[in-house]
Amino acid sequence: MSDQLYQQLTEIKSYIHKGDLVNNKISKKGTYWHIDHTLQILNSICEVLEHSNPRDYQPIFSFTKFIIMKTGYIPRGKGRAPQQTLPLNIKTNEELLIELDKAEKAIKDLNTLPSNKTFKHPLFRWLNLEDTIKFMGIHTHHHIKIMRDIIK
């Protein structure tokens, strides 16, 4: 299930080696910002999953969640990330590689988690482990598409 995330991390790693690129027609943020944000999301969600209490899970229908999870598409410029996931400073190449290594380990560890682990998304509300991993792939793909367009 996390194979897609590994492939995405491989693509992200290739963007780190290209340097911090900017294209204001595509995004006000450069590639390093998108990489940092994506890795912060992956690492923080993995940590929350690891420490989650399945008894807290309270599934609630969310139309937004339904559409995004079914289409696998996040529209650009519509969502607002939680403040704690917004990079404050641009990290260096080396710092991003360290974060990438942490993400690779965290994603590997997902395979050892019990299937009843959960994550509370700020917009979607509760996600089970399978849906959380799917969301992580959708979110990562969203930022990869932005980085691809910046690099063009």
Protein backbone atom coordinates (compact mmCIF):
# COMPACT_ATOMS: atom_id res chain seq x y z
CA MET A 1 0.00 0.00 0.00
CA SER A 2 2.85 2.38 0.71
CA ASP A 3 4.66 1.51 -2.55
CA GLN A 4 3.18 4.62 -4.16
CA LEU A 5 4.60 6.77 -1.36
CA TYR A 6 8.07 5.26 -1.87
CA GLN A 7 7.90 6.08 -5.59
CA GLN A 8 6.80 9.61 -4.78
CA LEU A 9 9.71 10.05 -2.37
CA THR A 10 12.10 8.94 -5.12
CA GLU A 11 10.72 11.66 -7.39
CA ILE A 12 10.91 14.24 -4.58
CA LYS A 13 14.55 13.30 -3.97
CA SER A 14 15.34 14.05 -7.62
CA TYR A 15 13.88 17.55 -7.16
CA ILE A 16 16.07 18.21 -4.11
CA HIS A 17 19.14 17.63 -6.26
CA LYS A 18 17.96 20.22 -8.81
CA GLY A 19 18.13 23.00 -6.23
CA ASP A 20 15.43 25.41 -5.10
CA LEU A 21 13.57 26.46 -8.23
CA VAL A 22 10.86 29.12 -8.42
CA ASN A 23 8.23 29.92 -11.05
CA ASN A 24 5.82 32.58 -9.80
CA LYS A 25 3.36 31.78 -12.60
CA ILE A 26 2.87 28.35 -11.03
CA SER A 27 3.35 28.97 -7.30
CA LYS A 28 4.52 31.73 -5.03
CA LYS A 29 6.59 29.09 -3.25
CA GLY A 30 9.66 27.35 -4.64
CA THR A 31 10.33 23.63 -4.94
CA TYR A 32 12.12 23.42 -1.59
CA TRP A 33 9.05 24.87 0.16
CA HIS A 34 6.80 22.25 -1.48
CA ILE A 35 9.26 19.48 -0.61
CA ASP A 36 9.55 20.64 3.00
CA HIS A 37 5.77 20.96 3.40
CA THR A 38 5.16 17.54 1.88
CA LEU A 39 7.77 15.86 4.07
CA GLN A 40 6.40 17.63 7.17
CA ILE A 41 2.94 16.27 6.37
CA LEU A 42 4.20 12.74 5.78
CA ASN A 43 6.33 12.68 8.92
CA SER A 44 3.71 14.25 11.18
CA ILE A 45 0.86 12.03 9.97
CA CYS A 46 2.99 8.92 10.45
CA GLU A 47 3.76 10.02 14.00
CA VAL A 48 0.09 10.72 14.76
CA LEU A 49 -0.90 7.32 13.37
CA GLU A 50 1.69 5.56 15.50
CA HIS A 51 0.35 7.15 18.69
CA SER A 52 -3.35 7.18 17.79
CA ASN A 53 -5.96 5.57 19.98
CA PRO A 54 -8.45 3.62 17.85
CA ARG A 55 -11.16 4.30 20.45
CA ASP A 56 -11.06 8.00 19.48
CA TYR A 57 -12.18 7.20 15.92
CA GLN A 58 -15.52 8.86 15.13
CA PRO A 59 -16.25 8.60 11.41
CA ILE A 60 -18.29 11.49 10.02
CA PHE A 61 -19.29 11.96 6.39
CA SER A 62 -17.50 14.80 4.64
CA PHE A 63 -18.48 15.69 1.09
CA THR A 64 -15.06 17.29 0.49
CA LYS A 65 -13.33 14.13 1.71
CA PHE A 66 -15.59 11.98 -0.46
CA ILE A 67 -14.78 13.97 -3.63
CA ILE A 68 -11.02 14.21 -3.03
CA MET A 69 -10.68 10.57 -2.01
CA LYS A 70 -12.71 9.39 -5.03
CA THR A 71 -11.04 11.63 -7.62
CA GLY A 72 -7.56 11.71 -6.10
CA TYR A 73 -7.45 15.39 -7.00
CA ILE A 74 -6.81 18.42 -4.80
CA PRO A 75 -7.54 21.72 -6.57
CA ARG A 76 -4.68 24.23 -6.52
CA GLY A 77 -4.97 27.29 -4.35
CA LYS A 78 -8.20 26.19 -2.64
CA GLY A 79 -7.00 24.48 0.52
CA ARG A 80 -5.29 26.00 3.50
CA ALA A 81 -2.71 23.92 5.31
CA PRO A 82 -2.61 24.02 9.11
CA GLN A 83 -0.12 26.61 10.39
CA GLN A 84 2.17 23.97 11.90
CA THR A 85 2.74 22.40 8.47
CA LEU A 86 3.81 25.61 6.76
CA PRO A 87 7.59 25.84 6.46
CA LEU A 88 8.90 28.97 8.17
CA ASN A 89 12.40 28.91 6.67
CA ILE A 90 13.66 27.35 3.49
CA LYS A 91 15.67 24.28 4.40
CA THR A 92 18.97 23.42 2.78
CA ASN A 93 19.50 20.51 0.43
CA GLU A 94 21.09 18.55 3.28
CA GLU A 95 18.25 19.30 5.72
CA LEU A 96 15.67 18.17 3.18
CA LEU A 97 17.57 14.92 2.58
CA ILE A 98 17.51 14.26 6.34
CA GLU A 99 13.74 14.86 6.39
CA LEU A 100 13.36 12.61 3.36
CA ASP A 101 15.23 9.80 5.16
CA LYS A 102 12.89 10.24 8.14
CA ALA A 103 9.88 10.03 5.83
CA GLU A 104 11.19 6.86 4.18
CA LYS A 105 11.58 5.20 7.58
CA ALA A 106 8.19 6.45 8.79
CA ILE A 107 6.47 5.12 5.67
CA LYS A 108 8.22 1.78 6.06
CA ASP A 109 6.95 1.66 9.65
CA LEU A 110 3.35 2.13 8.42
CA ASN A 111 3.46 -1.52 7.31
CA THR A 112 3.86 -2.60 10.94
CA LEU A 113 0.95 -0.58 12.34
CA PRO A 114 -2.30 -2.28 13.34
CA SER A 115 -5.07 -1.65 10.81
CA ASN A 116 -7.21 0.15 13.42
CA LYS A 117 -4.89 3.17 13.71
CA THR A 118 -6.51 6.49 12.80
CA PHE A 119 -5.78 10.11 11.91
CA LYS A 120 -7.98 13.17 12.45
CA HIS A 121 -7.64 15.45 9.41
CA PRO A 122 -8.49 19.13 9.98
CA LEU A 123 -10.98 19.18 7.07
CA PHE A 124 -11.90 15.54 6.39
CA ARG A 125 -12.22 14.62 10.07
CA TRP A 126 -11.46 10.97 10.90
CA LEU A 127 -9.58 8.69 8.52
CA ASN A 128 -8.76 5.04 9.12
CA LEU A 129 -5.25 3.77 8.35
CA GLU A 130 -6.02 2.77 4.77
CA ASP A 131 -7.68 6.10 3.95
CA THR A 132 -4.90 8.02 5.70
CA ILE A 133 -2.26 6.34 3.53
CA LYS A 134 -4.39 7.05 0.45
CA PHE A 135 -4.70 10.72 1.48
CA MET A 136 -0.94 10.95 2.01
CA GLY A 137 -0.45 9.74 -1.57
CA ILE A 138 -3.01 12.21 -2.95
CA HIS A 139 -1.52 15.13 -1.03
CA THR A 140 2.04 14.22 -2.05
CA HIS A 141 0.98 13.85 -5.68
CA HIS A 142 -0.66 17.29 -5.53
CA HIS A 143 2.65 18.90 -4.54
CA ILE A 144 4.67 16.79 -6.98
CA LYS A 145 2.49 18.07 -9.84
CA ILE A 146 3.18 21.64 -8.72
CA MET A 147 6.92 20.94 -8.58
CA ARG A 148 6.83 19.33 -12.03
CA ASP A 149 5.20 22.47 -13.41
CA ILE A 150 7.73 24.74 -11.66
CA ILE A 151 10.62 22.76 -13.14
CA LYS A 152 9.25 22.77 -16.74
